[in-house]
Protein backbone atom coordinates (compact mmCIF):
# COMPACT_ATOMS: atom_id res chain seq x y z
CA UNK A 1 -80.14 11.38 20.68
CA UNK A 2 -80.78 11.34 16.93
CA UNK A 3 -84.00 9.40 17.44
CA UNK A 4 -85.24 11.92 20.03
CA UNK A 5 -84.48 14.81 17.68
CA UNK A 6 -86.31 13.06 14.85
CA UNK A 7 -89.34 12.44 17.07
CA UNK A 8 -89.42 16.09 18.08
CA UNK A 9 -89.27 17.16 14.42
CA UNK A 10 -92.10 14.78 13.54
CA UNK A 11 -94.18 16.03 16.46
CA UNK A 12 -93.58 19.63 15.39
CA UNK A 13 -94.56 18.72 11.83
CA UNK A 14 -97.69 16.99 13.07
CA UNK A 15 -98.64 19.98 15.20
CA UNK A 16 -98.10 22.24 12.19
CA UNK A 17 -100.33 20.04 10.06
CA UNK A 18 -103.07 20.10 12.70
CA UNK A 19 -102.98 23.87 12.91
CA UNK A 20 -102.67 24.43 9.17
CA UNK A 21 -105.10 21.84 7.82
CA UNK A 22 -106.93 20.12 10.65
CA UNK A 23 -106.90 16.96 8.49
CA UNK A 24 -107.74 13.94 10.71
CA UNK A 25 -106.26 11.44 8.22
CA UNK A 26 -102.91 13.24 8.17
CA UNK A 27 -102.92 13.39 11.96
CA UNK A 28 -103.55 9.62 12.13
CA UNK A 29 -100.70 8.89 9.68
CA UNK A 30 -98.27 11.07 11.64
CA UNK A 31 -99.32 9.40 14.88
CA UNK A 32 -98.73 5.98 13.33
CA UNK A 33 -95.21 7.00 12.19
CA UNK A 34 -94.29 8.30 15.64
CA UNK A 35 -95.53 5.15 17.41
CA UNK A 36 -93.63 2.98 14.88
CA UNK A 37 -90.41 4.82 15.72
CA UNK A 38 -90.84 4.05 19.41
CA UNK A 39 -91.48 0.35 18.74
CA UNK A 40 -88.38 -0.14 16.54
CA UNK A 41 -85.41 -1.75 18.27
CA UNK A 42 -82.71 0.70 19.29
CA UNK A 43 -79.04 0.29 18.51
CA UNK A 44 -77.10 -1.42 21.27
CA UNK A 45 -73.67 -0.25 22.38
CA UNK A 46 -70.90 -1.05 19.93
CA UNK A 47 -69.17 -4.38 20.60
CA UNK A 48 -65.71 -3.86 22.01
CA UNK A 49 -62.76 -6.18 22.54
CA UNK A 50 -59.88 -5.38 24.88
CA UNK A 51 -56.48 -7.00 24.36
CA UNK A 52 -53.83 -6.75 27.07
CA UNK A 53 -50.28 -5.86 25.96
CA UNK A 54 -47.88 -8.81 26.28
CA UNK A 55 -44.54 -8.75 28.08
CA UNK A 56 -42.75 -8.25 24.75
CA UNK A 57 -44.90 -5.19 23.97
CA UNK A 58 -47.11 -6.99 21.42
CA UNK A 59 -50.88 -7.42 21.41
CA UNK A 60 -51.45 -11.15 20.99
CA UNK A 61 -54.81 -12.90 20.84
CA UNK A 62 -56.62 -16.03 19.70
CA UNK A 63 -58.85 -15.39 16.72
CA UNK A 64 -61.20 -17.79 15.01
CA UNK A 65 -60.60 -18.16 11.30
CA UNK A 66 -63.43 -19.99 9.55
CA UNK A 67 -64.32 -21.35 13.00
CA UNK A 68 -60.82 -22.62 13.89
CA UNK A 69 -58.85 -20.98 16.72
CA UNK A 70 -55.52 -19.48 15.68
CA UNK A 71 -52.97 -17.34 17.56
CA UNK A 72 -52.42 -13.90 16.04
CA UNK A 73 -50.51 -10.70 16.75
CA UNK A 74 -51.95 -7.26 15.92
CA UNK A 75 -49.78 -5.59 13.27
CA UNK A 76 -50.94 -2.15 12.15
CA UNK A 77 -48.00 -2.06 9.74
CA UNK A 78 -49.34 -5.08 7.85
CA UNK A 79 -51.62 -4.10 4.99
CA UNK A 80 -53.41 -7.42 5.21
CA UNK A 81 -54.13 -10.30 7.52
CA UNK A 82 -51.18 -12.67 7.00
CA UNK A 83 -51.31 -16.36 7.87
CA UNK A 84 -48.49 -18.83 8.21
CA UNK A 85 -48.62 -21.83 5.89
CA UNK A 86 -49.03 -24.07 8.93
CA UNK A 87 -52.08 -22.16 10.19
CA UNK A 88 -53.63 -22.10 6.72
CA UNK A 89 -53.22 -25.89 6.53
CA UNK A 90 -54.75 -26.38 10.00
CA UNK A 91 -57.74 -24.28 8.96
CA UNK A 92 -58.20 -26.40 5.86
CA UNK A 93 -57.51 -23.75 3.24
CA UNK A 94 -56.82 -25.08 -0.29
CA UNK A 95 -53.03 -24.63 -0.22
CA UNK A 96 -52.46 -26.70 -3.36
CA UNK A 97 -54.52 -24.20 -5.37
CA UNK A 98 -52.72 -21.05 -4.21
CA UNK A 99 -50.33 -18.99 -6.33
CA UNK A 100 -47.48 -17.45 -4.35
CA UNK A 101 -47.12 -14.36 -6.54
CA UNK A 102 -47.31 -11.49 -4.03
CA UNK A 103 -44.01 -9.92 -2.94
CA UNK A 104 -44.01 -9.44 0.82
CA UNK A 105 -41.56 -7.76 3.18
CA UNK A 106 -41.63 -9.25 6.68
CA UNK A 107 -39.53 -8.75 9.78
CA UNK A 108 -37.56 -11.78 8.58
CA UNK A 109 -36.97 -10.36 5.10
CA UNK A 110 -38.47 -10.78 1.64
CA UNK A 111 -40.83 -13.65 0.81
CA UNK A 112 -43.72 -14.56 -1.48
CA UNK A 113 -47.35 -14.90 -0.43
CA UNK A 114 -50.63 -16.02 -1.95
CA UNK A 115 -53.88 -14.06 -1.91
CA UNK A 116 -57.12 -15.51 -0.60
CA UNK A 117 -60.31 -14.48 1.14
CA UNK A 118 -61.24 -15.77 4.59
CA UNK A 119 -64.92 -16.61 4.89
CA UNK A 120 -65.05 -15.49 8.50
CA UNK A 121 -62.58 -13.94 10.93
CA UNK A 122 -63.66 -13.40 14.55
CA UNK A 123 -61.85 -11.65 17.36
CA UNK A 124 -64.06 -12.12 20.38
CA UNK A 125 -67.50 -10.93 19.28
CA UNK A 126 -66.13 -8.81 16.44
CA UNK A 127 -66.84 -10.88 13.35
CA UNK A 128 -65.97 -9.94 9.79
CA UNK A 129 -66.79 -11.91 6.66
CA UNK A 130 -64.93 -12.11 3.35
CA UNK A 131 -61.68 -10.74 4.76
CA UNK A 132 -58.79 -10.43 2.28
CA UNK A 133 -55.68 -12.23 3.52
CA UNK A 134 -52.29 -13.55 2.49
CA UNK A 135 -50.65 -16.91 3.17
CA UNK A 136 -46.85 -17.12 3.18
CA UNK A 137 -44.90 -20.13 1.98
CA UNK A 138 -44.07 -22.93 4.38
CA UNK A 139 -41.63 -21.96 7.14
CA UNK A 140 -41.42 -18.27 6.15
CA UNK A 141 -43.16 -16.84 9.23
CA UNK A 142 -43.78 -18.02 12.77
CA UNK A 143 -46.68 -15.71 13.66
CA UNK A 144 -50.06 -14.94 12.09
CA UNK A 145 -50.65 -11.19 11.71
CA UNK A 146 -53.95 -9.42 12.20
CA UNK A 147 -53.41 -6.54 9.81
CA UNK A 148 -55.33 -3.66 8.32
CA UNK A 149 -57.63 -5.74 6.07
CA UNK A 150 -59.42 -6.61 9.35
CA UNK A 151 -58.73 -3.48 11.42
CA UNK A 152 -60.02 -1.09 8.70
CA UNK A 153 -63.46 -2.69 9.00
CA UNK A 154 -63.84 -1.63 12.62
CA UNK A 155 -65.41 1.62 13.76
CA UNK A 156 -62.25 2.37 15.75
CA UNK A 157 -59.18 0.91 17.39
CA UNK A 158 -56.57 2.39 19.66
CA UNK A 159 -54.32 1.86 22.64
CA UNK A 160 -55.28 3.02 26.14
CA UNK A 161 -52.67 2.35 28.80
CA UNK A 162 -51.61 -1.26 28.15
CA UNK A 163 -54.80 -2.30 26.39
CA UNK A 164 -55.67 -2.30 22.72
CA UNK A 165 -59.34 -1.45 22.25
CA UNK A 166 -61.08 -2.76 19.12
CA UNK A 167 -64.56 -1.32 18.61
CA UNK A 168 -67.06 -2.59 16.07
CA UNK A 169 -70.21 -0.92 14.85
CA UNK A 170 -73.41 -0.86 16.96
CA UNK A 171 -76.02 -3.49 16.22
CA UNK A 172 -79.75 -3.64 16.68
CA UNK A 173 -80.93 -4.94 20.03
CA UNK A 174 -81.75 -8.61 20.08
CA UNK A 175 -78.50 -9.48 18.37
CA UNK A 176 -76.55 -12.45 19.68
CA UNK A 177 -73.38 -10.44 20.32
CA UNK A 178 -72.44 -9.10 23.73
CA UNK A 179 -71.31 -5.49 24.09
CA UNK A 180 -67.92 -6.02 25.79
CA UNK A 181 -65.52 -8.92 25.72
CA UNK A 182 -61.98 -9.44 26.96
CA UNK A 183 -59.69 -11.55 24.80
CA UNK A 184 -56.75 -13.43 26.28
């Protein structure tokens, strides 16, 4: 819609230039700009992931963290993505270099966590890079949480019926991502 409006404005401007000046060079430049706009790739529909609500009421999924599959639960009350120590070890994060200096309140109580940045976090075809995250100490949590440090990067997210819809931003056509994906 925006592209069509822009084309109409350019055409009106071109027509105005023809009437006002009759300059053939200006007409040729305007024609070139309009044809370039039609050749440019259009934005594809925004990628969307649907997650079915579990029997316990949670939205659980398998994400890929730095290319390694990991179970996660969506937690809009978590400021950050939070990983268990065990998951962080399986992914190959440098646990021996982490400082557990962040106070964290979990469903299980108070604990300490360490800050780090995940190179890549993918939920279906929604991929984010350099995602801030926390890792809790060994045995302090049983579930990885997909919190707001990931969700805030999306165009939108919300619940419809028993499905959580995560919507990314549109991409140019020719991209390797598919528009819609269901995540188990």
